[in-house]
Protein backbone atom coordinates (compact mmCIF):
# COMPACT_ATOMS: atom_id res chain seq x y z
CA UNK A 1 34.34 233.97 -158.07
CA UNK A 2 30.88 234.80 -156.80
CA UNK A 3 31.37 235.52 -153.10
CA UNK A 4 28.81 235.89 -150.32
CA UNK A 5 30.02 238.03 -147.40
CA UNK A 6 28.59 237.95 -143.88
CA UNK A 7 29.54 240.32 -141.05
CA UNK A 8 28.29 242.04 -137.92
CA UNK A 9 30.95 244.70 -137.45
CA UNK A 10 30.98 248.04 -135.64
CA UNK A 11 32.93 251.02 -136.94
CA UNK A 12 36.70 250.68 -136.62
CA UNK A 13 39.65 248.79 -138.03
CA UNK A 14 37.75 245.55 -138.64
CA UNK A 15 35.15 247.33 -140.78
CA UNK A 16 37.85 249.22 -142.70
CA UNK A 17 39.63 245.92 -143.38
CA UNK A 18 36.42 244.34 -144.70
CA UNK A 19 35.63 247.41 -146.81
CA UNK A 20 39.09 247.29 -148.39
CA UNK A 21 38.84 243.53 -148.96
CA UNK A 22 35.46 243.86 -150.70
CA UNK A 23 36.61 246.81 -152.80
CA UNK A 24 39.76 244.96 -153.86
CA UNK A 25 37.83 241.82 -154.81
CA UNK A 26 35.24 243.79 -156.79
CA UNK A 27 37.96 245.70 -158.66
CA UNK A 28 39.43 242.35 -159.73
CA UNK A 29 36.16 241.28 -161.30
CA UNK A 30 34.70 239.09 -158.55
CA UNK A 31 30.97 239.33 -157.84
CA UNK A 32 30.30 240.08 -154.18
CA UNK A 33 27.11 240.45 -152.14
CA UNK A 34 26.90 240.97 -148.38
CA UNK A 35 24.57 239.99 -145.55
CA UNK A 36 24.48 241.42 -142.04
CA UNK A 37 22.01 242.01 -139.20
CA UNK A 38 20.41 245.42 -138.88
CA UNK A 39 22.44 246.02 -135.70
CA UNK A 40 25.70 246.20 -137.72
CA UNK A 41 27.13 249.67 -138.35
CA UNK A 42 25.84 250.88 -141.72
CA UNK A 43 27.21 254.43 -141.63
CA UNK A 44 30.96 253.84 -141.36
CA UNK A 45 32.45 252.75 -144.70
CA UNK A 46 29.14 251.25 -145.94
CA UNK A 47 29.52 248.24 -148.19
CA UNK A 48 26.32 249.32 -149.94
CA UNK A 49 28.38 251.99 -151.69
CA UNK A 50 29.98 249.19 -153.75
CA UNK A 51 27.78 246.10 -153.62
CA UNK A 52 24.32 244.89 -152.71
CA UNK A 53 24.11 244.50 -148.93
CA UNK A 54 21.18 242.65 -147.41
CA UNK A 55 20.35 243.88 -143.90
CA UNK A 56 18.18 241.25 -142.24
CA UNK A 57 16.46 241.99 -138.92
CA UNK A 58 18.00 240.72 -135.74
CA UNK A 59 15.26 239.02 -133.68
CA UNK A 60 14.21 240.67 -130.46
CA UNK A 61 15.49 239.04 -127.29
CA UNK A 62 13.03 238.41 -124.49
CA UNK A 63 13.85 237.81 -120.86
CA UNK A 64 11.90 235.97 -118.20
CA UNK A 65 10.38 238.00 -115.41
CA UNK A 66 9.85 237.17 -111.77
CA UNK A 67 12.39 236.50 -109.02
CA UNK A 68 13.80 233.35 -110.67
CA UNK A 69 14.07 235.07 -114.05
CA UNK A 70 16.03 237.92 -112.50
CA UNK A 71 18.32 235.48 -110.74
CA UNK A 72 19.07 233.66 -114.00
CA UNK A 73 19.33 236.80 -116.15
CA UNK A 74 23.14 236.58 -116.66
CA UNK A 75 22.64 233.08 -118.08
CA UNK A 76 19.48 233.67 -120.10
CA UNK A 77 20.86 236.87 -121.61
CA UNK A 78 23.72 234.96 -123.29
CA UNK A 79 21.60 231.96 -124.30
CA UNK A 80 18.78 234.07 -125.74
CA UNK A 81 21.16 236.27 -127.74
CA UNK A 82 22.90 233.17 -129.12
CA UNK A 83 19.52 231.77 -130.15
CA UNK A 84 18.54 235.05 -131.80
CA UNK A 85 21.83 235.15 -133.73
CA UNK A 86 21.30 231.54 -134.84
CA UNK A 87 17.86 232.49 -136.17
CA UNK A 88 19.34 235.43 -138.07
CA UNK A 89 22.14 233.29 -139.52
CA UNK A 90 19.70 230.64 -140.74
CA UNK A 91 17.72 233.33 -142.56
CA UNK A 92 20.90 234.67 -144.18
CA UNK A 93 22.08 231.17 -145.07
CA UNK A 94 18.80 230.36 -146.80
CA UNK A 95 19.21 233.38 -149.09
CA UNK A 96 22.90 232.65 -149.71
CA UNK A 97 22.21 228.99 -150.54
CA UNK A 98 19.83 230.04 -153.32
CA UNK A 99 22.14 232.72 -154.72
CA UNK A 100 24.48 230.55 -156.77
CA UNK A 101 27.58 231.59 -154.80
CA UNK A 102 30.92 229.82 -155.00
CA UNK A 103 32.05 230.65 -151.48
CA UNK A 104 31.09 232.22 -148.14
CA UNK A 105 33.53 234.81 -146.79
CA UNK A 106 32.44 235.48 -143.21
CA UNK A 107 33.79 238.13 -140.90
CA UNK A 108 33.53 238.71 -137.19
CA UNK A 109 30.50 239.44 -135.04
CA UNK A 110 30.70 242.29 -132.54
CA UNK A 111 28.61 240.28 -130.06
CA UNK A 112 30.10 236.78 -130.31
CA UNK A 113 33.04 237.03 -132.79
CA UNK A 114 32.12 233.71 -134.47
CA UNK A 115 28.49 232.94 -135.30
CA UNK A 116 26.76 229.82 -136.61
CA UNK A 117 26.57 231.00 -140.24
CA UNK A 118 29.02 228.32 -141.45
CA UNK A 119 26.93 225.56 -139.89
CA UNK A 120 23.96 226.60 -142.02
CA UNK A 121 25.52 226.71 -145.50
CA UNK A 122 26.89 223.92 -147.67
CA UNK A 123 29.24 226.18 -149.66
CA UNK A 124 33.00 226.31 -149.13
CA UNK A 125 33.43 228.77 -146.28
CA UNK A 126 36.22 231.00 -145.02
CA UNK A 127 36.29 233.05 -141.81
CA UNK A 128 38.43 236.17 -141.46
CA UNK A 129 38.79 236.44 -137.70
CA UNK A 130 40.56 239.51 -136.34
CA UNK A 131 40.66 237.98 -132.84
CA UNK A 132 38.72 235.63 -130.57
CA UNK A 133 36.27 237.04 -128.04
CA UNK A 134 38.96 238.55 -125.84
CA UNK A 135 36.86 239.04 -122.69
CA UNK A 136 36.49 235.26 -122.35
CA UNK A 137 40.17 234.36 -122.65
CA UNK A 138 42.25 237.25 -121.29
CA UNK A 139 42.79 238.54 -117.77
CA UNK A 140 42.05 242.15 -118.77
CA UNK A 141 41.14 243.18 -116.17
CA UNK A 142 40.38 239.73 -114.73
CA UNK A 143 39.56 236.29 -116.10
CA UNK A 144 35.77 235.83 -116.15
CA UNK A 145 36.17 232.37 -114.61
CA UNK A 146 37.83 233.69 -111.46
CA UNK A 147 35.83 232.92 -108.34
CA UNK A 148 34.17 235.67 -106.37
CA UNK A 149 36.09 236.98 -103.35
CA UNK A 150 35.86 234.77 -100.26
CA UNK A 151 32.70 235.39 -98.29
CA UNK A 152 33.32 238.04 -95.63
CA UNK A 153 29.85 238.19 -94.10
CA UNK A 154 27.26 235.74 -92.89
CA UNK A 155 24.96 234.26 -95.49
CA UNK A 156 22.10 236.60 -96.31
CA UNK A 157 19.71 237.31 -99.14
CA UNK A 158 22.07 239.62 -101.06
CA UNK A 159 25.05 237.30 -100.66
CA UNK A 160 22.99 234.33 -101.86
CA UNK A 161 21.64 236.32 -104.81
CA UNK A 162 25.12 237.48 -105.87
CA UNK A 163 26.55 233.97 -105.80
CA UNK A 164 23.65 232.40 -107.69
CA UNK A 165 23.90 235.10 -110.38
CA UNK A 166 27.67 234.55 -110.62
CA UNK A 167 27.11 230.81 -111.14
CA UNK A 168 24.48 231.59 -113.80
CA UNK A 169 26.85 234.02 -115.51
CA UNK A 170 29.66 231.49 -115.67
CA UNK A 171 27.36 228.82 -117.09
CA UNK A 172 26.24 231.25 -119.79
CA UNK A 173 29.86 231.98 -120.70
CA UNK A 174 30.64 228.26 -120.85
CA UNK A 175 27.85 227.83 -123.39
CA UNK A 176 29.15 230.79 -125.40
CA UNK A 177 32.63 229.22 -125.47
CA UNK A 178 31.21 225.88 -126.58
CA UNK A 179 29.17 227.45 -129.36
CA UNK A 180 31.96 229.72 -130.57
CA UNK A 181 34.38 226.83 -130.85
CA UNK A 182 31.84 224.70 -132.74
CA UNK A 183 31.01 227.64 -135.02
CA UNK A 184 34.68 228.25 -135.82
CA UNK A 185 35.31 224.55 -136.48
CA UNK A 186 32.56 224.56 -139.16
CA UNK A 187 34.68 226.73 -141.50
CA UNK A 188 36.95 225.20 -144.13
CA UNK A 189 39.61 227.80 -143.38
CA UNK A 190 40.17 230.46 -140.74
CA UNK A 191 42.27 233.46 -141.70
CA UNK A 192 44.15 235.45 -139.07
CA UNK A 193 45.58 238.95 -139.40
CA UNK A 194 48.94 238.14 -137.75
CA UNK A 195 51.06 235.38 -136.28
CA UNK A 196 50.06 236.66 -132.85
CA UNK A 197 46.35 236.33 -133.74
CA UNK A 198 46.96 232.86 -135.15
CA UNK A 199 48.35 231.82 -131.77
CA UNK A 200 45.45 233.51 -129.95
CA UNK A 201 42.95 231.55 -132.05
CA UNK A 202 44.82 228.33 -131.30
CA UNK A 203 44.83 229.07 -127.56
CA UNK A 204 41.14 230.00 -127.50
CA UNK A 205 39.58 227.47 -129.87
CA UNK A 206 42.23 224.79 -130.31
CA UNK A 207 42.00 225.35 -134.08
CA UNK A 208 44.65 226.12 -136.65
CA UNK A 209 44.38 229.17 -138.88
CA UNK A 210 46.41 230.74 -141.65
CA UNK A 211 47.93 234.22 -141.61
CA UNK A 212 46.55 236.59 -144.25
CA UNK A 213 48.02 240.01 -143.52
CA UNK A 214 45.98 243.16 -144.06
CA UNK A 215 47.09 246.11 -146.16
CA UNK A 216 46.86 249.89 -146.31
CA UNK A 217 45.21 251.93 -149.04
CA UNK A 218 48.24 254.01 -150.01
CA UNK A 219 46.16 256.05 -152.45
CA UNK A 220 44.25 257.37 -149.44
CA UNK A 221 46.88 257.23 -146.69
CA UNK A 222 49.77 259.27 -148.02
CA UNK A 223 52.09 262.02 -146.86
CA UNK A 224 50.77 265.57 -146.95
CA UNK A 225 53.21 268.45 -147.05
CA UNK A 226 52.14 270.45 -144.02
CA UNK A 227 54.16 272.13 -141.28
CA UNK A 228 55.02 269.87 -138.38
CA UNK A 229 53.75 270.80 -134.94
CA UNK A 230 54.85 269.86 -131.43
CA UNK A 231 52.21 267.17 -131.39
CA UNK A 232 51.87 263.38 -131.22
CA UNK A 233 48.84 261.44 -132.34
CA UNK A 234 47.11 258.18 -131.46
CA UNK A 235 44.19 256.43 -133.11
CA UNK A 236 41.72 253.98 -131.63
CA UNK A 237 38.34 253.73 -129.94
CA UNK A 238 38.06 255.47 -126.58
CA UNK A 239 38.06 252.19 -124.66
CA UNK A 240 40.38 250.87 -121.96
CA UNK A 241 41.99 248.27 -124.24
CA UNK A 242 43.60 251.09 -126.23
CA UNK A 243 45.58 252.05 -123.12
CA UNK A 244 45.08 255.77 -123.58
CA UNK A 245 45.83 256.53 -119.92
CA UNK A 246 49.29 255.02 -120.42
CA UNK A 247 49.95 257.30 -123.40
CA UNK A 248 48.75 260.33 -121.45
CA UNK A 249 51.07 259.41 -118.58
CA UNK A 250 53.96 259.02 -121.03
CA UNK A 251 53.32 262.39 -122.68
CA UNK A 252 53.02 263.93 -119.23
CA UNK A 253 56.54 262.70 -118.45
CA UNK A 254 58.07 264.47 -121.47
CA UNK A 255 59.97 267.62 -120.40
CA UNK A 256 59.02 271.03 -121.78
CA UNK A 257 58.12 271.92 -124.39
CA UNK A 258 55.63 269.10 -123.83
CA UNK A 259 53.82 267.98 -127.00
CA UNK A 260 50.09 268.09 -127.44
CA UNK A 261 48.34 264.71 -127.67
CA UNK A 262 45.69 264.32 -130.35
CA UNK A 263 43.59 261.17 -130.09
CA UNK A 264 41.09 260.14 -132.77
CA UNK A 265 38.53 257.37 -132.32
CA UNK A 266 35.33 256.18 -133.95
CA UNK A 267 33.66 255.19 -130.69
CA UNK A 268 33.61 256.90 -127.30
CA UNK A 269 31.75 256.19 -124.08
CA UNK A 270 31.09 259.73 -122.78
CA UNK A 271 31.82 259.07 -119.07
CA UNK A 272 35.13 257.39 -119.96
CA UNK A 273 36.05 260.23 -122.30
CA UNK A 274 35.44 262.73 -119.49
CA UNK A 275 37.63 260.61 -117.20
CA UNK A 276 40.41 260.74 -119.80
CA UNK A 277 40.19 264.51 -120.04
CA UNK A 278 40.46 264.86 -116.26
CA UNK A 279 43.36 262.39 -116.23
CA UNK A 280 45.16 264.41 -118.91
CA UNK A 281 44.59 267.66 -117.03
CA UNK A 282 46.02 266.09 -113.90
CA UNK A 283 49.19 265.12 -115.82
CA UNK A 284 49.58 268.50 -117.49
CA UNK A 285 48.79 267.12 -120.95
CA UNK A 286 46.83 269.00 -123.59
CA UNK A 287 44.49 266.31 -124.92
CA UNK A 288 42.60 266.99 -128.13
CA UNK A 289 40.03 264.16 -128.29
CA UNK A 290 38.21 263.81 -131.60
CA UNK A 291 35.38 261.36 -132.28
CA UNK A 292 34.36 260.12 -135.76
CA UNK A 293 36.32 262.53 -137.98
CA UNK A 294 36.45 262.48 -141.76
CA UNK A 295 39.34 260.82 -143.56
CA UNK A 296 40.50 264.26 -144.69
CA UNK A 297 40.69 265.49 -141.08
CA UNK A 298 42.47 262.28 -140.11
CA UNK A 299 45.12 262.71 -142.81
CA UNK A 300 45.71 266.33 -141.82
CA UNK A 301 46.21 265.30 -138.20
CA UNK A 302 48.61 262.48 -139.16
CA UNK A 303 50.63 264.81 -141.36
CA UNK A 304 50.86 267.54 -138.70
CA UNK A 305 52.19 265.34 -135.86
CA UNK A 306 55.86 264.41 -135.49
CA UNK A 307 55.16 260.89 -134.17
CA UNK A 308 52.42 258.29 -133.85
CA UNK A 309 52.02 256.71 -130.39
CA UNK A 310 50.58 253.23 -129.93
CA UNK A 311 50.17 251.29 -126.69
CA UNK A 312 47.10 249.10 -127.21
CA UNK A 313 47.03 246.04 -124.96
CA UNK A 314 47.52 242.78 -126.89
CA UNK A 315 46.32 244.37 -130.14
CA UNK A 316 45.87 241.52 -132.67
CA UNK A 317 47.41 243.37 -135.62
CA UNK A 318 47.31 247.15 -135.49
CA UNK A 319 46.30 248.69 -138.80
CA UNK A 320 46.56 252.27 -137.54
CA UNK A 321 50.39 252.27 -137.13
CA UNK A 322 50.75 251.17 -140.76
CA UNK A 323 48.34 253.87 -141.90
CA UNK A 324 50.48 256.38 -140.00
CA UNK A 325 53.59 254.94 -141.64
CA UNK A 326 52.02 255.34 -145.07
CA UNK A 327 51.74 259.06 -144.24
CA UNK A 328 55.47 259.23 -143.46
CA UNK A 329 54.99 259.28 -139.69
CA UNK A 330 57.40 257.40 -137.39
CA UNK A 331 55.67 255.09 -134.90
CA UNK A 332 56.43 254.71 -131.20
CA UNK A 333 54.89 251.40 -130.14
CA UNK A 334 54.82 249.00 -127.22
CA UNK A 335 56.40 245.61 -128.02
CA UNK A 336 53.17 243.70 -127.59
CA UNK A 337 50.71 241.75 -129.75
CA UNK A 338 50.72 241.97 -133.54
CA UNK A 339 52.58 245.27 -133.65
CA UNK A 340 55.83 243.31 -133.27
CA UNK A 341 55.25 242.03 -136.82
CA UNK A 342 54.73 245.47 -138.39
CA UNK A 343 56.94 247.96 -136.51
CA UNK A 344 60.67 247.28 -136.71
CA UNK A 345 62.76 249.08 -134.10
CA UNK A 346 64.87 251.86 -135.64
CA UNK A 347 63.53 251.03 -139.12
CA UNK A 348 60.00 252.47 -139.25
CA UNK A 349 59.73 253.50 -135.62
CA UNK A 350 60.83 252.92 -132.06
CA UNK A 351 59.66 249.87 -130.12
CA UNK A 352 59.72 250.27 -126.33
CA UNK A 353 58.79 248.40 -123.17
CA UNK A 354 55.42 248.89 -121.50
CA UNK A 355 56.75 251.67 -119.32
CA UNK A 356 55.59 255.31 -119.50
CA UNK A 357 59.15 256.52 -118.97
CA UNK A 358 60.39 254.49 -121.95
CA UNK A 359 57.69 255.90 -124.23
CA UNK A 360 58.36 259.41 -122.90
CA UNK A 361 62.06 259.06 -123.75
CA UNK A 362 61.20 257.92 -127.28
CA UNK A 363 58.82 260.85 -127.75
CA UNK A 364 61.48 263.26 -126.52
CA UNK A 365 64.08 261.69 -128.85
CA UNK A 366 61.95 262.18 -131.96
CA UNK A 367 60.85 265.66 -130.91
CA UNK A 368 64.45 266.80 -130.41
CA UNK A 369 65.86 264.99 -133.47
CA UNK A 370 63.68 265.85 -136.47
CA UNK A 371 66.24 264.34 -138.84
CA UNK A 372 65.86 260.93 -137.14
CA UNK A 373 62.08 261.31 -137.13
CA UNK A 374 62.07 262.13 -140.85
CA UNK A 375 64.31 259.16 -141.71
CA UNK A 376 62.14 256.73 -139.73
CA UNK A 377 59.05 258.17 -141.40
CA UNK A 378 60.53 257.83 -144.88
CA UNK A 379 61.57 254.22 -144.21
CA UNK A 380 58.11 253.49 -142.84
CA UNK A 381 56.51 254.91 -145.94
CA UNK A 382 58.68 252.71 -148.18
CA UNK A 383 58.00 249.65 -146.02
CA UNK A 384 54.23 250.10 -146.33
CA UNK A 385 54.48 250.45 -150.12
CA UNK A 386 56.80 247.44 -150.41
CA UNK A 387 55.07 245.01 -148.03
CA UNK A 388 51.82 246.34 -146.63
CA UNK A 389 50.03 247.80 -149.65
CA UNK A 390 46.37 247.02 -150.30
CA UNK A 391 47.04 245.26 -153.65
CA UNK A 392 49.43 242.91 -151.82
CA UNK A 393 46.75 242.22 -149.21
CA UNK A 394 44.19 241.41 -151.92
CA UNK A 395 46.74 239.09 -153.56
CA UNK A 396 47.03 237.23 -150.25
CA UNK A 397 43.27 237.06 -149.68
CA UNK A 398 42.47 236.02 -153.25
CA UNK A 399 45.05 233.23 -153.08
CA UNK A 400 43.53 231.90 -149.82
CA UNK A 401 39.99 231.94 -151.20
CA UNK A 402 41.07 230.08 -154.32
CA UNK A 403 42.98 227.61 -152.15
CA UNK A 404 39.78 226.76 -150.29
CA UNK A 405 37.86 226.26 -153.54
CA UNK A 406 40.55 223.92 -154.87
CA UNK A 407 40.68 222.06 -151.57
CA UNK A 408 36.92 221.47 -151.52
CA UNK A 409 37.02 220.26 -155.10
CA UNK A 410 39.94 217.92 -154.31
CA UNK A 411 40.23 217.17 -150.55
CA UNK A 412 43.42 215.18 -151.13
CA UNK A 413 45.38 218.39 -151.83
CA UNK A 414 45.90 219.23 -148.15
CA UNK A 415 44.49 218.63 -144.72
CA UNK A 416 41.76 220.87 -143.41
CA UNK A 417 42.75 223.92 -141.30
């Protein structure tokens, strides 16, 4: 197949998944080229190391001035960015249409999750969607549609301004929802990374998708024979959705000798990272926060710890726990989101309730019972090799892409997803 890829991904699990997908497809003889805006991350796992990647400019976004323009800024900001992304996608689509490609394999957009790229190409088109735009559909911390608090003061200029801007913001979000749903519906197939994500896509967009599980590069993520330390490790961006405060609280509840907590992330907002350090100090936890480490440093840290801790809120899949498992590390995870499909209690880890005391007890159990920790780690390693390997993931993806090509050639084969 000759495959055109589109993405607008930041550094993190989504970019690693795309990198592995592209590498696997290229190794199997498929011809792949990529398109992305120049705002996409080009330093973390660059696709240009393997294929030609076309970085087209993202148009500048202008805002209206004056009192009315400032009032409507929450609305115009969304609408103008959508228009700019549409312009970018049309430019990409024009190049893809003239490239003799068999299929478009689109990935997520960090700004809108699903863009209009499929509406601008006539090729068979597949979307790999890690998750919908969560801020629009989840009450974390609050649903964006929730009304402002009841008015407590008499009407004044500031109160009027706040309520007009809130109405403008909600109207902008309604347009984003409308466009996202229409963009997603333009694909011939949507691929989800888990059953949980499939249900999230259905709830958000009212569209069916098909599960196409990710895999782990077991040539890279593998056990290293290093001495174990009294240390647990977590991986994920330093953002609130990763629930790092919860993990710190759990480690702080572990009796002496309390383990050190190492946390590794690709992205960190400095003020939030400083808040986490103060929070850890207040709970008596030694927090070693590392930002953007090399894969070699990551593998050393995974091999040194006695357990991997994972408490992300409604994580769609959770690639990091499987990467830890590939390194022979038992996982302690919250029974939430896609992790329920990858971590089996007392097989490759311990699955606990969303309660710091429950996670603390699991950490203490594995710290004090290294035999149990080793057995869980060994089973996890085997499970990754048997079910979650990268070649298996490429098998699944390749089969889905070929399915779409056959379906377009003969629509009677099956109904559209």
